Amino acid sequence: MTLPRGFEVTLDRSTRVLDGGRALLGGNPVRLVRLGARARPLLSGRTVRVRDAAGAVLADRLLETGLAHPAVHALPPPPGADGGAGPDCTYVIPVRDRPRELARLLAGLPAGSPVVVVDDASHRPGPVAAVAAEHGARLLTLTVNGGPAGARNAGLRLVTTPYVAFVDSDVVLPPDAVPTLLRHFADPRVAMAVPRITGLVTPASAGWLGRYERIRSSLDLGTDPASVRPGTPVSWVPSACVVARVDALADGFDPRLRVGEDVDLCWRLARSGLRVRYEPSVEAAHEHRVTLRDWFRRKAEYGTGAHPLAERHPQNIAPAVLAPWNAALVLALVAQRRWSLPVAAGLCAVATARIARTLRSTGQPVRHAARLTGGGAVSAVAQGSALLTRHWWPLTVLGCLVSSRMRRATAVAAVADIALEYRRDRAGLDPVRYGIARRLDDLAYGTGVWISALKGRSTAALRPRIVPARASAWRKPGSRGGPGDEAEASASDGAPHPWRRMLSGQSRMRGAARESEPADGEGLRLWSRLRKA
């Protein structure tokens, strides 16, 4: 499967063009890609437009590495789209006792769109049925509540169009949301495309929790487009609004999961070699919970998905993913000894030297290496802080009772993320209430994680993962162990990948600035935001 002619990709805004256009630095994980003589003319400014097979190969590789993203608004519209989703996409809406919200959603959908409303055993099914009939939607009534995953799957079985849009009843969609997301399917490897989930402004959301949710919601994954994969800044996407290719979904969501079913589906699709695109230029407004009791309970429910996900995806669920030097850096700083800062500085210096050797052909290797090392350090400290204040908070409380060093480390961790992330112009919320909401958020989610771990009698969802730099990660194509470069892999049949003829080499900064995201989606987008500033 290849990208079609006219498909256009644009370099991620964090990707650096080096050495007069001969190399690109960026992606997830961060890597150096050297462009061969055939590839360089295909990059026009920061854009690659597919005009022939060579352009398709280069664009596909840039997408695969996270160095570039589809220019979605430059892609051709999907077949049959005429200001609406057209006959190629069916809306499936799971609902339970929300007739007012359902009516609001249905009223905003493009006229003539096929719609299936799945009533997931409402206590009062009559109002839901009346709203569905008023808007001409097909109604499927379930007699037993199966949860969101089961309701979506039931609706999916009635879909006859190539694409399906799963939309929760408490979401409001602009008319062009689904048609725009459908453009991503010009890439034949895309299985799912998801918009940015923002907070719906209502009278109830004017309170302090509503304002906090508008800027720090667990469902809002930020303003940067991304390929959704485990171990990247956007490692999952919420199922509040999802557009998917029906033939790629197989049996759909795992009905055994009441929460985390969206994370599980993303990771299964990624494991099968398909792509999931996060497209923040499209927004869907979600009516968040804004009363303290409901909000806290929902955050804790999110955490209870940790152990079931750990059983299905043990390599992806770790609350922190660190290279050995990152872990040593965190331990040195937490120790708070006289040697802590010198050791931390030494670790950073060694990492910078190793990366600079990899980047020696880029003109300013030390500068770029220092930037990457600084990013790796920020990411490591952020992950360590999240462990103390979020995932491990019960252990942190016990540690604070007996150790002054633990109290200091916890206080710094609790204040640092607020100081780095808080912006009054965005929050409309004073720093004190923002800080309280932030800590309650961590407390609730961490409680859910521990409940799921205790029920499952496993610490898998609580254990960080140390990822050593493999020998191959520091090997240059054709060399015998030059540090920093990684040899490109060959296809399984022994023939080289077609993009290898255009990319003269690729180096992965595996041990230096590894970026990762805990499965709850709340962790370490901080460095990603900083490096894109």
Protein backbone atom coordinates (compact mmCIF):
# COMPACT_ATOMS: atom_id res chain seq x y z
CA MET A 1 0.00 0.00 0.00
CA THR A 2 1.43 3.37 -0.98
CA LEU A 3 0.39 6.96 -0.47
CA PRO A 4 -1.58 8.38 -3.42
CA ARG A 5 -0.46 11.21 -5.66
CA GLY A 6 -1.27 14.60 -4.18
CA PHE A 7 -0.82 13.37 -0.60
CA GLU A 8 1.07 16.03 1.33
CA VAL A 9 2.99 15.89 4.60
CA THR A 10 4.48 18.73 6.63
CA LEU A 11 7.39 18.40 9.02
CA ASP A 12 6.48 18.45 12.68
CA ARG A 13 7.25 21.86 14.15
CA SER A 14 9.86 20.30 16.44
CA THR A 15 11.72 18.67 13.52
CA ARG A 16 14.97 20.48 12.75
CA VAL A 17 16.35 20.69 9.21
CA LEU A 18 20.14 20.46 9.48
CA ASP A 19 23.20 20.54 7.29
CA GLY A 20 21.60 22.53 4.49
CA GLY A 21 18.67 20.16 4.12
CA ARG A 22 20.77 16.99 4.19
CA ALA A 23 19.49 15.79 7.56
CA LEU A 24 16.40 15.92 9.76
CA LEU A 25 16.44 15.76 13.55
CA GLY A 26 13.26 14.93 15.44
CA GLY A 27 10.56 12.31 15.65
CA ASN A 28 9.61 9.90 18.41
CA PRO A 29 11.95 8.63 19.64
CA VAL A 30 14.27 11.45 18.59
CA ARG A 31 16.45 10.43 15.68
CA LEU A 32 18.73 11.85 13.03
CA VAL A 33 17.72 10.97 9.47
CA ARG A 34 20.15 11.79 6.67
CA LEU A 35 18.53 12.42 3.31
CA GLY A 36 20.17 10.91 0.27
CA ALA A 37 20.64 12.66 -3.06
CA ARG A 38 17.30 11.37 -4.37
CA ALA A 39 15.36 12.45 -1.29
CA ARG A 40 16.66 16.00 -0.81
CA PRO A 41 14.92 17.57 -3.85
CA LEU A 42 11.60 16.08 -2.70
CA LEU A 43 11.59 18.22 0.45
CA SER A 44 10.30 21.67 -0.50
CA GLY A 45 10.74 23.93 2.51
CA ARG A 46 9.08 21.82 5.18
CA THR A 47 6.68 19.97 2.89
CA VAL A 48 6.78 16.79 0.82
CA ARG A 49 4.07 16.36 -1.80
CA VAL A 50 3.68 12.94 -3.38
CA ARG A 51 4.14 13.17 -7.15
CA ASP A 52 5.77 9.81 -7.85
CA ALA A 53 6.85 6.60 -6.16
CA ALA A 54 9.94 8.20 -4.63
CA GLY A 55 7.85 10.95 -3.02
CA ALA A 56 5.42 8.35 -1.67
CA VAL A 57 8.26 6.38 -0.10
CA LEU A 58 9.80 9.45 1.55
CA ALA A 59 6.47 10.79 2.82
CA ASP A 60 5.56 7.40 4.25
CA ARG A 61 8.87 7.16 6.08
CA LEU A 62 8.51 10.63 7.56
CA LEU A 63 5.05 9.68 8.82
CA GLU A 64 6.32 6.43 10.26
CA THR A 65 9.08 8.11 12.26
CA GLY A 66 6.95 10.99 13.52
CA LEU A 67 9.10 13.54 11.69
CA ALA A 68 6.08 14.76 9.69
CA HIS A 69 2.29 14.68 9.70
CA PRO A 70 -0.35 14.76 6.97
CA ALA A 71 -1.37 18.25 5.87
CA VAL A 72 -4.97 17.22 6.35
CA HIS A 73 -6.60 20.32 4.86
CA ALA A 74 -4.48 19.94 1.71
CA LEU A 75 -5.62 16.36 1.17
CA PRO A 76 -8.47 15.59 -1.24
CA PRO A 77 -11.91 15.37 0.38
CA PRO A 78 -13.29 11.88 0.92
CA PRO A 79 -15.56 10.46 -1.79
CA GLY A 80 -19.17 11.48 -1.41
CA ALA A 81 -18.45 14.28 1.07
CA ASP A 82 -20.55 17.26 0.19
CA GLY A 83 -20.49 19.41 3.28
CA GLY A 84 -21.28 16.32 5.36
CA ALA A 85 -20.09 12.83 6.03
CA GLY A 86 -21.91 11.56 2.94
CA PRO A 87 -22.98 7.94 2.49
CA ASP A 88 -19.50 6.61 3.27
CA CYS A 89 -19.71 7.10 7.05
CA THR A 90 -22.26 6.04 9.68
CA TYR A 91 -22.52 7.69 13.09
CA VAL A 92 -22.83 5.28 16.03
CA ILE A 93 -23.91 6.95 19.26
CA PRO A 94 -24.00 4.98 22.53
CA VAL A 95 -26.27 6.54 25.13
CA ARG A 96 -27.80 5.80 28.50
CA ASP A 97 -30.41 8.13 29.98
CA ARG A 98 -29.19 11.31 28.32
CA PRO A 99 -32.01 12.41 26.04
CA ARG A 100 -31.17 16.12 26.30
CA GLU A 101 -27.52 15.59 25.36
CA LEU A 102 -28.49 13.15 22.61
CA ALA A 103 -30.88 15.67 21.06
CA ARG A 104 -28.18 18.33 21.14
CA LEU A 105 -25.72 16.06 19.34
CA LEU A 106 -28.16 14.80 16.71
CA ALA A 107 -29.29 18.33 15.88
CA GLY A 108 -25.74 19.23 14.86
CA LEU A 109 -25.00 16.26 12.60
CA PRO A 110 -24.98 16.79 8.81
CA ALA A 111 -28.38 16.23 7.26
CA GLY A 112 -28.86 12.84 5.63
CA SER A 113 -26.10 11.10 7.59
CA PRO A 114 -26.82 7.49 8.58
CA VAL A 115 -27.11 7.38 12.38
CA VAL A 116 -27.42 4.43 14.76
CA VAL A 117 -28.34 5.27 18.37
CA VAL A 118 -27.54 2.45 20.78
CA ASP A 119 -29.56 2.67 24.00
CA ASP A 120 -27.37 0.88 26.53
CA ALA A 121 -30.24 -0.27 28.81
CA SER A 122 -31.49 3.16 29.89
CA HIS A 123 -33.55 3.30 33.07
CA ARG A 124 -36.06 5.41 31.11
CA PRO A 125 -35.78 4.31 27.46
CA GLY A 126 -38.84 6.24 26.30
CA PRO A 127 -37.25 9.74 26.08
CA VAL A 128 -34.20 8.30 24.28
CA ALA A 129 -36.43 6.55 21.74
CA ALA A 130 -38.44 9.73 21.19
CA VAL A 131 -35.30 11.79 20.47
CA ALA A 132 -33.94 9.16 18.06
CA ALA A 133 -37.27 9.05 16.20
CA GLU A 134 -37.49 12.84 16.01
CA HIS A 135 -34.11 13.03 14.26
CA GLY A 136 -34.62 10.01 11.98
CA ALA A 137 -31.95 7.88 13.66
CA ARG A 138 -32.06 4.10 13.76
CA LEU A 139 -32.52 2.91 17.34
CA LEU A 140 -30.96 -0.24 18.78
CA THR A 141 -32.12 -0.96 22.35
CA LEU A 142 -30.03 -3.21 24.58
CA THR A 143 -31.74 -4.96 27.49
CA VAL A 144 -28.53 -5.43 29.49
CA ASN A 145 -26.06 -2.64 30.14
CA GLY A 146 -22.80 -3.66 28.49
CA GLY A 147 -20.85 -0.45 28.91
CA PRO A 148 -19.55 1.90 26.22
CA ALA A 149 -17.42 -0.76 24.48
CA GLY A 150 -20.27 -3.23 24.19
CA ALA A 151 -22.71 -0.56 23.01
CA ARG A 152 -20.34 0.65 20.30
CA ASN A 153 -19.76 -2.91 19.11
CA ALA A 154 -23.49 -3.51 18.92
CA GLY A 155 -23.88 -0.44 16.73
CA LEU A 156 -20.85 -1.40 14.64
CA ARG A 157 -22.54 -4.66 13.65
CA LEU A 158 -25.29 -2.63 11.95
CA VAL A 159 -22.91 -0.44 9.93
CA THR A 160 -22.79 -1.06 6.19
CA THR A 161 -20.65 1.94 5.16
CA PRO A 162 -16.84 1.79 4.82
CA TYR A 163 -16.31 4.19 7.74
CA VAL A 164 -17.88 4.63 11.15
CA ALA A 165 -17.86 7.59 13.53
CA PHE A 166 -18.29 6.67 17.20
CA VAL A 167 -19.52 9.75 19.06
CA ASP A 168 -20.53 9.86 22.72
CA SER A 169 -23.85 11.52 23.48
CA ASP A 170 -22.24 14.23 25.65
CA VAL A 171 -20.18 15.53 22.71
CA VAL A 172 -20.98 18.40 20.35
CA LEU A 173 -19.51 18.18 16.83
CA PRO A 174 -18.99 20.97 14.30
CA PRO A 175 -20.43 20.04 10.87
CA ASP A 176 -17.03 19.63 9.20
CA ALA A 177 -15.44 17.48 11.93
CA VAL A 178 -16.03 14.02 10.46
CA PRO A 179 -15.52 15.03 6.79
CA THR A 180 -12.14 16.53 7.74
CA LEU A 181 -11.08 13.46 9.70
CA LEU A 182 -12.05 11.25 6.76
CA ARG A 183 -9.34 12.92 4.69
CA HIS A 184 -6.76 11.03 6.75
CA PHE A 185 -7.92 7.78 5.16
CA ALA A 186 -6.20 8.78 1.92
CA ASP A 187 -3.32 7.04 3.70
CA PRO A 188 -4.25 3.35 3.26
CA ARG A 189 -2.53 2.44 6.53
CA VAL A 190 -4.71 4.74 8.65
CA ALA A 191 -7.27 2.78 10.66
CA MET A 192 -8.55 5.54 12.91
CA ALA A 193 -8.53 9.35 13.14
CA VAL A 194 -9.47 11.29 16.25
CA PRO A 195 -10.07 15.01 16.89
CA ARG A 196 -8.97 17.08 19.84
CA ILE A 197 -11.46 16.78 22.71
CA THR A 198 -12.05 20.19 24.28
CA GLY A 199 -14.34 21.28 27.11
CA LEU A 200 -17.88 22.28 26.24
CA VAL A 201 -18.69 25.68 27.70
CA THR A 202 -21.92 25.49 29.69
CA PRO A 203 -23.26 27.46 32.67
CA ALA A 204 -22.16 24.59 34.92
CA SER A 205 -18.58 24.69 33.58
CA ALA A 206 -18.03 28.25 34.82
CA GLY A 207 -16.90 26.93 38.20
CA TRP A 208 -13.31 26.26 39.17
CA LEU A 209 -13.39 22.56 38.23
CA GLY A 210 -14.96 23.36 34.87
CA ARG A 211 -12.26 25.89 34.14
CA TYR A 212 -9.58 23.42 35.20
CA GLU A 213 -11.02 20.76 32.90
CA ARG A 214 -11.00 23.15 29.94
CA ILE A 215 -7.21 23.37 30.15
CA ARG A 216 -6.16 20.13 31.89
CA SER A 217 -8.71 17.53 30.89
CA SER A 218 -7.51 13.95 30.64
CA LEU A 219 -9.19 13.80 27.23
CA ASP A 220 -7.45 16.87 25.77
CA LEU A 221 -4.17 15.70 24.24
CA GLY A 222 -2.92 19.09 23.10
CA THR A 223 -2.50 21.21 20.02
CA ASP A 224 0.09 19.22 18.07
CA PRO A 225 -0.83 16.56 15.48
CA ALA A 226 0.58 13.13 16.17
CA SER A 227 0.81 9.53 15.15
CA VAL A 228 -0.64 7.64 18.10
CA ARG A 229 1.69 4.92 19.33
CA PRO A 230 2.79 3.54 22.71
CA GLY A 231 5.85 5.28 24.10
CA THR A 232 5.24 8.62 22.35
CA PRO A 233 3.82 11.90 23.69
CA VAL A 234 0.38 10.91 22.35
CA SER A 235 0.24 7.23 23.20
CA TRP A 236 -3.55 6.84 23.12
CA VAL A 237 -6.68 8.76 22.13
CA PRO A 238 -10.09 8.87 23.82
CA SER A 239 -13.12 7.22 22.26
CA ALA A 240 -15.43 10.18 22.93
CA CYS A 241 -15.20 10.87 19.19
CA VAL A 242 -13.50 8.45 16.80
CA VAL A 243 -13.66 7.95 13.03
CA ALA A 244 -12.50 4.52 11.90
CA ARG A 245 -12.25 2.28 8.88
CA VAL A 246 -14.74 -0.52 9.50
CA ASP A 247 -12.66 -3.30 7.95
CA ALA A 248 -9.73 -2.40 10.21
CA LEU A 249 -11.69 -2.71 13.47
CA ALA A 250 -12.34 -6.48 13.31
CA ASP A 251 -14.41 -7.13 16.46
CA GLY A 252 -14.07 -3.54 17.65
CA PHE A 253 -13.60 -2.60 21.29
CA ASP A 254 -12.97 -5.15 24.02
CA PRO A 255 -16.40 -5.42 25.74
CA ARG A 256 -14.79 -6.69 28.93
CA LEU A 257 -13.27 -3.26 29.55
CA ARG A 258 -15.49 -0.62 31.16
CA VAL A 259 -12.65 1.90 31.03
CA GLY A 260 -9.48 1.86 28.98
CA GLU A 261 -11.18 0.27 25.99
CA ASP A 262 -9.97 3.14 23.81
CA VAL A 263 -6.36 2.69 24.95
CA ASP A 264 -6.57 -1.04 24.26
CA LEU A 265 -7.95 -0.50 20.76
CA CYS A 266 -5.24 2.05 19.89
CA TRP A 267 -2.49 -0.30 20.99
CA ARG A 268 -3.96 -3.29 19.17
CA LEU A 269 -4.18 -1.30 15.95
CA ALA A 270 -0.60 -0.06 16.35
CA ARG A 271 0.62 -3.59 17.02
CA SER A 272 -1.00 -4.78 13.80
CA GLY A 273 0.94 -2.17 11.80
CA LEU A 274 -1.94 0.25 11.26
CA ARG A 275 -1.87 3.96 11.96
CA VAL A 276 -3.98 6.05 14.31
CA ARG A 277 -3.92 9.81 13.68
CA TYR A 278 -4.56 12.54 16.23
CA GLU A 279 -5.81 15.65 14.43
CA PRO A 280 -6.11 18.69 16.75
CA SER A 281 -7.14 21.05 13.96
CA VAL A 282 -10.54 19.35 14.36
CA GLU A 283 -12.19 19.85 17.73
CA ALA A 284 -15.09 18.09 19.42
CA ALA A 285 -16.52 19.67 22.57
CA HIS A 286 -17.15 17.32 25.48
CA GLU A 287 -19.37 18.10 28.46
CA HIS A 288 -17.03 17.32 31.33
CA ARG A 289 -18.09 16.37 34.81
CA VAL A 290 -17.78 19.50 36.95
CA THR A 291 -19.22 18.58 40.34
CA LEU A 292 -16.47 17.50 42.72
CA ARG A 293 -17.94 14.10 43.57
CA ASP A 294 -18.65 13.05 39.98
CA TRP A 295 -15.35 14.49 38.73
CA PHE A 296 -13.25 12.74 41.39
CA ARG A 297 -15.05 9.44 40.85
CA ARG A 298 -14.51 9.59 37.10
CA LYS A 299 -10.81 10.31 37.49
CA ALA A 300 -10.50 7.32 39.80
CA GLU A 301 -12.38 5.17 37.29
CA TYR A 302 -9.81 6.07 34.66
CA GLY A 303 -7.13 4.71 36.99
CA THR A 304 -8.92 1.39 37.48
CA GLY A 305 -8.20 0.54 33.85
CA ALA A 306 -4.47 0.25 34.61
CA HIS A 307 -4.31 -3.42 35.64
CA PRO A 308 -6.55 -4.79 32.85
CA LEU A 309 -4.40 -2.90 30.37
CA ALA A 310 -1.25 -4.24 32.03
CA GLU A 311 -2.54 -7.78 31.47
CA ARG A 312 -3.12 -7.10 27.77
CA HIS A 313 -0.18 -4.80 27.04
CA PRO A 314 2.53 -5.35 29.67
CA GLN A 315 5.20 -3.44 27.73
CA ASN A 316 3.09 -0.30 27.34
CA ILE A 317 1.50 0.36 30.70
CA ALA A 318 4.52 1.39 32.79
CA PRO A 319 3.94 4.71 34.62
CA ALA A 320 7.45 5.80 33.64
CA VAL A 321 9.85 4.67 30.91
CA LEU A 322 13.45 5.67 31.46
CA ALA A 323 16.84 5.01 29.94
CA PRO A 324 19.45 3.96 32.51
CA TRP A 325 21.07 7.40 32.68
CA ASN A 326 17.64 9.04 33.11
CA ALA A 327 16.87 6.72 36.02
CA ALA A 328 20.27 7.41 37.58
CA LEU A 329 19.67 11.15 37.21
CA VAL A 330 16.33 10.95 39.03
CA LEU A 331 17.76 8.81 41.83
CA ALA A 332 20.69 11.19 42.28
CA LEU A 333 18.40 14.20 42.59
CA VAL A 334 15.99 12.47 44.96
CA ALA A 335 18.92 11.42 47.19
CA GLN A 336 19.66 15.12 47.92
CA ARG A 337 23.28 14.49 48.90
CA ARG A 338 26.32 16.64 48.34
CA TRP A 339 27.24 14.51 45.40
CA SER A 340 23.77 14.65 43.82
CA LEU A 341 24.24 17.70 41.59
CA PRO A 342 27.79 16.75 40.47
CA VAL A 343 26.60 13.26 39.57
CA ALA A 344 23.58 14.67 37.70
CA ALA A 345 25.83 17.09 35.83
CA GLY A 346 28.23 14.26 34.97
CA LEU A 347 25.45 12.09 33.61
CA CYS A 348 24.22 14.94 31.43
CA ALA A 349 27.76 15.65 30.21
CA VAL A 350 28.31 12.03 29.20
CA ALA A 351 24.95 11.89 27.43
CA THR A 352 25.70 15.14 25.61
CA ALA A 353 29.09 13.83 24.48
CA ARG A 354 27.60 10.62 23.14
CA ILE A 355 24.87 12.41 21.23
CA ALA A 356 27.32 15.00 19.89
CA ARG A 357 29.37 12.17 18.36
CA THR A 358 26.22 11.01 16.58
CA LEU A 359 25.53 14.53 15.31
CA ARG A 360 29.10 15.37 14.38
CA SER A 361 28.20 15.93 10.73
CA THR A 362 25.44 18.46 11.43
CA GLY A 363 27.53 21.60 11.91
CA GLN A 364 26.60 22.32 15.54
CA PRO A 365 26.64 18.89 17.18
CA VAL A 366 27.24 20.09 20.75
CA ARG A 367 24.42 22.61 20.63
CA HIS A 368 21.90 20.09 19.34
CA ALA A 369 23.19 17.42 21.71
CA ALA A 370 22.86 19.72 24.71
CA ARG A 371 19.30 20.54 23.72
CA LEU A 372 18.38 16.86 23.43
CA THR A 373 20.09 16.01 26.70
CA GLY A 374 18.27 18.85 28.43
CA GLY A 375 15.02 17.49 27.05
CA GLY A 376 15.83 14.02 28.31
CA ALA A 377 16.59 15.43 31.75
CA VAL A 378 13.33 17.40 31.87
CA SER A 379 11.39 14.33 30.75
CA ALA A 380 13.05 12.16 33.41
CA VAL A 381 12.41 14.64 36.21
CA ALA A 382 8.80 15.06 35.07
CA GLN A 383 8.28 11.31 35.12
CA GLY A 384 9.87 11.04 38.55
CA SER A 385 7.62 13.81 39.83
CA ALA A 386 4.55 12.05 38.43
CA LEU A 387 5.53 8.87 40.25
CA LEU A 388 5.73 10.70 43.57
CA THR A 389 2.55 12.74 43.26
CA ARG A 390 0.33 10.51 41.11
CA HIS A 391 1.07 6.84 40.64
CA TRP A 392 2.89 6.15 43.92
CA TRP A 393 1.22 8.69 46.18
CA PRO A 394 0.33 6.17 48.96
CA LEU A 395 4.02 5.21 49.20
CA THR A 396 4.97 8.88 49.04
CA VAL A 397 2.74 9.66 52.02
CA LEU A 398 4.39 6.88 54.04
CA GLY A 399 7.82 8.11 53.02
CA CYS A 400 7.01 11.68 54.04
CA LEU A 401 6.10 10.47 57.54
CA VAL A 402 9.63 9.22 58.17
CA SER A 403 11.96 11.16 55.84
CA SER A 404 12.62 14.88 55.57
CA ARG A 405 14.29 14.30 52.20
CA MET A 406 11.13 12.65 50.89
CA ARG A 407 9.09 15.59 52.16
CA ARG A 408 11.34 18.03 50.32
CA ALA A 409 11.32 15.98 47.12
CA THR A 410 7.54 15.69 47.21
CA ALA A 411 7.07 19.40 47.84
CA VAL A 412 9.32 20.28 44.91
CA ALA A 413 7.54 17.78 42.65
CA ALA A 414 4.11 19.07 43.68
CA VAL A 415 5.01 22.69 42.99
CA ALA A 416 7.24 22.26 39.94
CA ASP A 417 4.64 20.94 37.51
CA ILE A 418 2.18 23.65 38.53
CA ALA A 419 4.83 26.35 38.07
CA LEU A 420 5.79 25.01 34.64
CA GLU A 421 2.28 24.47 33.31
CA TYR A 422 0.17 27.19 34.88
CA ARG A 423 -0.72 30.17 32.75
CA ARG A 424 -3.32 32.59 34.06
CA ASP A 425 -4.39 33.75 30.59
CA ARG A 426 -5.30 30.18 29.66
CA ALA A 427 -6.71 28.98 32.93
CA GLY A 428 -8.83 31.90 34.04
CA LEU A 429 -8.13 30.28 37.39
CA ASP A 430 -5.91 31.45 40.23
CA PRO A 431 -2.82 29.29 40.90
CA VAL A 432 -4.07 28.13 44.29
CA ARG A 433 -7.27 26.55 42.96
CA TYR A 434 -5.43 25.29 39.90
CA GLY A 435 -2.90 23.61 42.19
CA ILE A 436 -5.62 22.06 44.35
CA ALA A 437 -7.39 20.67 41.28
CA ARG A 438 -4.10 19.32 39.94
CA ARG A 439 -3.31 17.47 43.15
CA LEU A 440 -6.87 16.12 43.47
CA ASP A 441 -6.59 14.91 39.88
CA ASP A 442 -3.42 12.98 40.75
CA LEU A 443 -4.91 11.68 44.00
CA ALA A 444 -8.02 10.35 42.25
CA TYR A 445 -6.21 8.70 39.36
CA GLY A 446 -3.55 7.19 41.61
CA THR A 447 -6.26 5.79 43.88
CA GLY A 448 -7.83 4.06 40.89
CA VAL A 449 -4.50 2.58 39.84
CA TRP A 450 -3.88 1.15 43.31
CA ILE A 451 -7.42 -0.26 43.52
CA SER A 452 -6.93 -2.05 40.20
CA ALA A 453 -3.48 -3.31 41.26
CA LEU A 454 -4.83 -4.67 44.55
CA LYS A 455 -7.78 -6.36 42.84
CA GLY A 456 -5.48 -7.89 40.26
CA ARG A 457 -2.84 -8.77 42.87
CA SER A 458 -0.16 -7.38 40.62
CA THR A 459 2.21 -4.40 40.63
CA ALA A 460 2.62 -4.42 36.84
CA ALA A 461 0.79 -1.10 36.43
CA LEU A 462 2.97 0.52 39.12
CA ARG A 463 6.43 -0.57 37.99
CA PRO A 464 8.53 1.81 35.88
CA ARG A 465 10.38 0.34 32.94
CA ILE A 466 14.09 0.81 32.36
CA VAL A 467 14.96 0.58 28.67
CA PRO A 468 18.67 -0.03 28.08
CA ALA A 469 20.24 1.32 24.91
CA ARG A 470 20.73 -1.68 22.65
CA ALA A 471 24.02 -2.15 20.91
CA SER A 472 22.31 -1.71 17.58
CA ALA A 473 21.06 1.67 18.65
CA TRP A 474 24.60 2.98 18.57
CA ARG A 475 25.77 1.62 15.26
CA LYS A 476 26.25 3.48 12.03
CA PRO A 477 25.28 1.85 8.73
CA GLY A 478 28.37 0.15 7.37
CA SER A 479 30.43 0.82 10.50
CA ARG A 480 31.68 -1.45 13.28
CA GLY A 481 30.22 0.29 16.26
CA GLY A 482 30.53 4.02 15.84
CA PRO A 483 28.45 5.40 18.71
CA GLY A 484 25.14 7.00 17.93
CA ASP A 485 23.96 5.65 14.61
CA GLU A 486 21.60 2.76 14.08
CA ALA A 487 21.70 0.58 11.01
CA GLU A 488 18.51 0.53 9.01
CA ALA A 489 16.69 -2.80 9.08
CA SER A 490 16.06 -4.87 6.01
CA ALA A 491 12.74 -6.30 4.95
CA SER A 492 11.91 -9.80 6.06
CA ASP A 493 12.67 -11.26 2.65
CA GLY A 494 16.20 -9.91 2.73
CA ALA A 495 15.57 -7.06 0.27
CA PRO A 496 16.26 -3.53 1.49
CA HIS A 497 13.35 -1.24 2.32
CA PRO A 498 12.68 1.07 -0.66
CA TRP A 499 13.26 4.14 1.47
CA ARG A 500 16.79 2.99 2.31
CA ARG A 501 18.00 4.05 -1.13
CA MET A 502 16.91 7.62 -0.34
CA LEU A 503 17.86 7.81 3.33
CA SER A 504 21.58 7.45 3.67
CA GLY A 505 21.44 6.77 7.39
CA GLN A 506 19.40 7.04 10.55
CA SER A 507 20.51 7.53 14.11
CA ARG A 508 18.22 7.11 17.09
CA MET A 509 18.90 9.03 20.29
CA ARG A 510 17.66 6.06 22.22
CA GLY A 511 19.49 6.59 25.49
CA ALA A 512 19.47 10.35 25.56
CA ALA A 513 16.14 12.03 25.08
CA ARG A 514 13.66 9.26 25.14
CA GLU A 515 10.12 10.56 25.32
CA SER A 516 7.38 8.45 26.77
CA GLU A 517 3.86 8.76 28.03
CA PRO A 518 2.27 6.74 30.80
CA ALA A 519 -0.87 4.95 29.72
CA ASP A 520 -3.16 7.34 31.57
CA GLY A 521 -2.27 10.10 29.14
CA GLU A 522 -1.48 12.58 31.92
CA GLY A 523 2.28 12.24 32.11
CA LEU A 524 5.03 13.65 30.07
CA ARG A 525 3.87 15.85 27.26
CA LEU A 526 5.73 18.61 29.10
CA TRP A 527 9.05 18.12 27.31
CA SER A 528 7.25 17.71 24.00
CA ARG A 529 5.67 21.11 24.54
CA LEU A 530 8.94 22.69 25.63
CA ARG A 531 10.94 21.43 22.67
CA LYS A 532 8.27 22.69 20.27
CA ALA A 533 8.21 26.16 21.76
